Each structure stands twice: as structure tokens, then as C-alpha cells.
């Protein structure tokens, strides 16, 4: 696995499906940093991303694009800037079962816009 020149970041709340989206698109086995979820108050899922998920897709012209997944918990937001550096875009996924999904979407959008003006 070689980290690619072009990257798309998958971001959003815990449990929104970022890891599964990358798994469904990636042509390689996904590097996932799943660990036991110690924040059951935030979400009941057993495993959560604590670092980065990584997969790849190849376009028709042979260009490879890295698919990078961020952790969804805001306690890991310190890594978001590093993951987003140089990204050509961000796909925001939100768990629609939360109380105020549109407000959560707006909060993530503002966070990522303020961290990287290129996205």
C-alpha cells in the first residue's frame, strides 16, 4: 500500500458509516484502526475508528485516489487536520438517528472548512 497523491476524506459522526463506505469502494483491503468503543454514552457500537481508515480506488486513466476515513468522535478531532491536508474533497456522513442530524452536519462542515481552506 502506498499513500496516494490524491485523496478524498470521509468524515462525520461516529456510526455514520465512514468505514463501511470506504470498505465498499476500496479495491484493496482497508487499513482500519478500529478499537473497542469506550464512549458508550455517545454511541452503542462496539468498535470505533480511533486513528485513520485507508483504502484506494483507481480511475479509468490509472490515477489512484486514496480514501481516508477520520474518527467520528470529537475527542479525536486533533487528527482531522492531518488527515485532511492536501485532500481534494471531503464526503460528510452523518448518523440520521441522532437527535439533530442537520445541526450535526453543519457543525462538521464548519469544522472541516475552518481546518482546510482547500476543501
C-alpha atoms as a PDB file:
ATOM      1  CA  UNK A   1       0.000   0.000   0.000  1.00  0.00           C
ATOM      2  CA  UNK A   2       1.303   3.439  -0.970  1.00  0.00           C
ATOM      3  CA  UNK A   3      -0.417   6.541   0.336  1.00  0.00           C
ATOM      4  CA  UNK A   4      -1.741   8.330  -2.736  1.00  0.00           C
ATOM      5  CA  UNK A   5      -1.103  11.823  -4.083  1.00  0.00           C
ATOM      6  CA  UNK A   6      -4.849  12.413  -4.432  1.00  0.00           C
ATOM      7  CA  UNK A   7      -7.156  11.821  -1.525  1.00  0.00           C
ATOM      8  CA  UNK A   8     -10.774  12.061  -0.564  1.00  0.00           C
ATOM      9  CA  UNK A   9     -11.630  12.231   3.127  1.00  0.00           C
ATOM     10  CA  UNK A  10     -14.677  10.550   4.658  1.00  0.00           C
ATOM     11  CA  UNK A  11     -15.723  12.398   7.803  1.00  0.00           C
ATOM     12  CA  UNK A  12     -18.673  12.741  10.114  1.00  0.00           C
ATOM     13  CA  UNK A  13     -20.219  11.382  13.249  1.00  0.00           C
ATOM     14  CA  UNK A  14     -19.484   8.051  14.905  1.00  0.00           C
ATOM     15  CA  UNK A  15     -21.697   5.341  13.475  1.00  0.00           C
ATOM     16  CA  UNK A  16     -22.457   7.186  10.232  1.00  0.00           C
ATOM     17  CA  UNK A  17     -20.838   4.521   8.034  1.00  0.00           C
ATOM     18  CA  UNK A  18     -17.485   6.035   7.063  1.00  0.00           C
ATOM     19  CA  UNK A  19     -15.535   2.798   7.462  1.00  0.00           C
ATOM     20  CA  UNK A  20     -18.198   0.782   5.644  1.00  0.00           C
ATOM     21  CA  UNK A  21     -18.312   3.313   2.777  1.00  0.00           C
ATOM     22  CA  UNK A  22     -14.559   3.034   2.315  1.00  0.00           C
ATOM     23  CA  UNK A  23     -14.730  -0.775   2.507  1.00  0.00           C
ATOM     24  CA  UNK A  24     -17.427  -0.842  -0.167  1.00  0.00           C
ATOM     25  CA  UNK A  25     -15.438   1.383  -2.556  1.00  0.00           C
ATOM     26  CA  UNK A  26     -11.850   0.278  -1.962  1.00  0.00           C
ATOM     27  CA  UNK A  27     -10.056  -2.034  -4.361  1.00  0.00           C
ATOM     28  CA  UNK A  28      -7.602  -3.077  -1.654  1.00  0.00           C
ATOM     29  CA  UNK A  29      -8.180  -4.466   1.831  1.00  0.00           C
ATOM     30  CA  UNK A  30      -8.906  -1.459   4.029  1.00  0.00           C
ATOM     31  CA  UNK A  31      -6.434  -0.448   6.693  1.00  0.00           C
ATOM     32  CA  UNK A  32      -8.691   0.211   9.662  1.00  0.00           C
ATOM     33  CA  UNK A  33      -7.824   1.430  13.146  1.00  0.00           C
ATOM     34  CA  UNK A  34     -10.858   0.091  14.946  1.00  0.00           C
ATOM     35  CA  UNK A  35     -10.754  -0.225  18.723  1.00  0.00           C
ATOM     36  CA  UNK A  36     -13.231  -1.038  21.456  1.00  0.00           C
ATOM     37  CA  UNK A  37     -15.658   1.865  21.920  1.00  0.00           C
ATOM     38  CA  UNK A  38     -15.170   3.250  25.418  1.00  0.00           C
ATOM     39  CA  UNK A  39     -17.747   6.011  24.896  1.00  0.00           C
ATOM     40  CA  UNK A  40     -20.990   4.028  25.049  1.00  0.00           C
ATOM     41  CA  UNK A  41     -22.838   7.218  26.045  1.00  0.00           C
ATOM     42  CA  UNK A  42     -22.102   8.702  22.605  1.00  0.00           C
ATOM     43  CA  UNK A  43     -22.920   5.565  20.610  1.00  0.00           C
ATOM     44  CA  UNK A  44     -23.708   1.907  21.331  1.00  0.00           C
ATOM     45  CA  UNK A  45     -21.496   0.455  18.577  1.00  0.00           C
ATOM     46  CA  UNK A  46     -18.832  -1.929  19.861  1.00  0.00           C
ATOM     47  CA  UNK A  47     -15.928  -0.783  17.661  1.00  0.00           C
ATOM     48  CA  UNK A  48     -14.934   2.726  16.581  1.00  0.00           C
ATOM     49  CA  UNK A  49     -12.186   4.270  14.468  1.00  0.00           C
ATOM     50  CA  UNK A  50      -9.502   5.837  16.635  1.00  0.00           C
ATOM     51  CA  UNK A  51      -6.934   6.821  14.001  1.00  0.00           C
ATOM     52  CA  UNK A  52      -7.493   6.522  10.279  1.00  0.00           C
ATOM     53  CA  UNK A  53      -9.097   4.204   7.761  1.00  0.00           C
ATOM     54  CA  UNK A  54      -7.417   3.872   4.358  1.00  0.00           C
ATOM     55  CA  UNK A  55      -8.494   2.381   1.042  1.00  0.00           C
ATOM     56  CA  UNK A  56      -7.865   3.048  -2.657  1.00  0.00           C
ATOM     57  CA  UNK A  57      -9.713   3.320  -5.934  1.00  0.00           C
ATOM     58  CA  UNK A  58      -8.272   3.541  -9.446  1.00  0.00           C
ATOM     59  CA  UNK A  59      -9.822   5.813 -12.061  1.00  0.00           C
ATOM     60  CA  UNK A  60     -10.134   4.799 -15.735  1.00  0.00           C
ATOM     61  CA  UNK A  61      -6.955   6.699 -16.610  1.00  0.00           C
ATOM     62  CA  UNK A  62      -4.968   4.778 -13.984  1.00  0.00           C
ATOM     63  CA  UNK A  63      -4.862   7.565 -11.376  1.00  0.00           C
ATOM     64  CA  UNK A  64      -5.170   6.172  -7.865  1.00  0.00           C
ATOM     65  CA  UNK A  65      -7.144   8.038  -5.219  1.00  0.00           C
ATOM     66  CA  UNK A  66      -6.690   7.365  -1.522  1.00  0.00           C
ATOM     67  CA  UNK A  67      -9.836   7.080   0.581  1.00  0.00           C
ATOM     68  CA  UNK A  68      -9.143   8.360   4.098  1.00  0.00           C
ATOM     69  CA  UNK A  69     -11.588   7.950   6.982  1.00  0.00           C
ATOM     70  CA  UNK A  70     -11.478  10.104  10.094  1.00  0.00           C
ATOM     71  CA  UNK A  71     -12.546   9.093  13.575  1.00  0.00           C
ATOM     72  CA  UNK A  72     -16.061  10.352  14.276  1.00  0.00           C
ATOM     73  CA  UNK A  73     -15.635  11.246  17.921  1.00  0.00           C
ATOM     74  CA  UNK A  74     -14.731  14.876  18.557  1.00  0.00           C
ATOM     75  CA  UNK A  75     -12.234  13.772  21.198  1.00  0.00           C
ATOM     76  CA  UNK A  76     -10.104  12.618  18.238  1.00  0.00           C
ATOM     77  CA  UNK A  77     -10.555  15.860  16.270  1.00  0.00           C
ATOM     78  CA  UNK A  78      -6.843  16.677  16.684  1.00  0.00           C
ATOM     79  CA  UNK A  79      -6.111  14.202  13.850  1.00  0.00           C
ATOM     80  CA  UNK A  80      -8.686  15.653  11.422  1.00  0.00           C
ATOM     81  CA  UNK A  81      -6.376  18.437  10.212  1.00  0.00           C
ATOM     82  CA  UNK A  82      -3.575  15.985   9.473  1.00  0.00           C
ATOM     83  CA  UNK A  83      -5.875  13.636   7.567  1.00  0.00           C
ATOM     84  CA  UNK A  84      -7.419  16.487   5.545  1.00  0.00           C
ATOM     85  CA  UNK A  85      -4.117  18.041   4.499  1.00  0.00           C
ATOM     86  CA  UNK A  86      -3.951  18.030   0.705  1.00  0.00           C
ATOM     87  CA  UNK A  87      -7.367  16.429   0.215  1.00  0.00           C
ATOM     88  CA  UNK A  88      -9.265  17.172  -2.989  1.00  0.00           C
ATOM     89  CA  UNK A  89     -12.574  16.779  -1.191  1.00  0.00           C
ATOM     90  CA  UNK A  90     -14.473  15.639   1.887  1.00  0.00           C
ATOM     91  CA  UNK A  91     -17.520  13.411   1.991  1.00  0.00           C
ATOM     92  CA  UNK A  92     -19.501  14.094   5.171  1.00  0.00           C
ATOM     93  CA  UNK A  93     -21.617  11.257   6.530  1.00  0.00           C
ATOM     94  CA  UNK A  94     -23.992  11.777   9.430  1.00  0.00           C
ATOM     95  CA  UNK A  95     -25.896   9.276  11.563  1.00  0.00           C
ATOM     96  CA  UNK A  96     -29.528  10.146  10.788  1.00  0.00           C
ATOM     97  CA  UNK A  97     -30.696   8.550  14.051  1.00  0.00           C
ATOM     98  CA  UNK A  98     -29.174  11.320  16.212  1.00  0.00           C
ATOM     99  CA  UNK A  99     -31.459  13.960  17.683  1.00  0.00           C
ATOM    100  CA  UNK A 100     -30.461  16.836  15.363  1.00  0.00           C
ATOM    101  CA  UNK A 101     -28.699  15.408  12.277  1.00  0.00           C
ATOM    102  CA  UNK A 102     -28.757  18.624  10.230  1.00  0.00           C
ATOM    103  CA  UNK A 103     -27.201  20.623  13.043  1.00  0.00           C
ATOM    104  CA  UNK A 104     -24.542  17.942  13.429  1.00  0.00           C
ATOM    105  CA  UNK A 105     -23.864  18.070   9.695  1.00  0.00           C
ATOM    106  CA  UNK A 106     -23.450  21.848   9.877  1.00  0.00           C
ATOM    107  CA  UNK A 107     -21.031  21.532  12.811  1.00  0.00           C
ATOM    108  CA  UNK A 108     -18.849  19.027  10.943  1.00  0.00           C
ATOM    109  CA  UNK A 109     -18.975  21.131   7.781  1.00  0.00           C
ATOM    110  CA  UNK A 110     -17.838  24.245   9.636  1.00  0.00           C
ATOM    111  CA  UNK A 111     -15.105  22.306  11.439  1.00  0.00           C
ATOM    112  CA  UNK A 112     -13.648  20.907   8.239  1.00  0.00           C
ATOM    113  CA  UNK A 113     -13.964  24.173   6.333  1.00  0.00           C
ATOM    114  CA  UNK A 114     -12.062  26.018   9.058  1.00  0.00           C
ATOM    115  CA  UNK A 115      -9.319  23.367   9.123  1.00  0.00           C
ATOM    116  CA  UNK A 116      -8.620  23.294   5.393  1.00  0.00           C
ATOM    117  CA  UNK A 117      -9.468  26.148   3.071  1.00  0.00           C
ATOM    118  CA  UNK A 118      -8.747  23.979   0.013  1.00  0.00           C
ATOM    119  CA  UNK A 119     -11.728  21.699   0.621  1.00  0.00           C
END
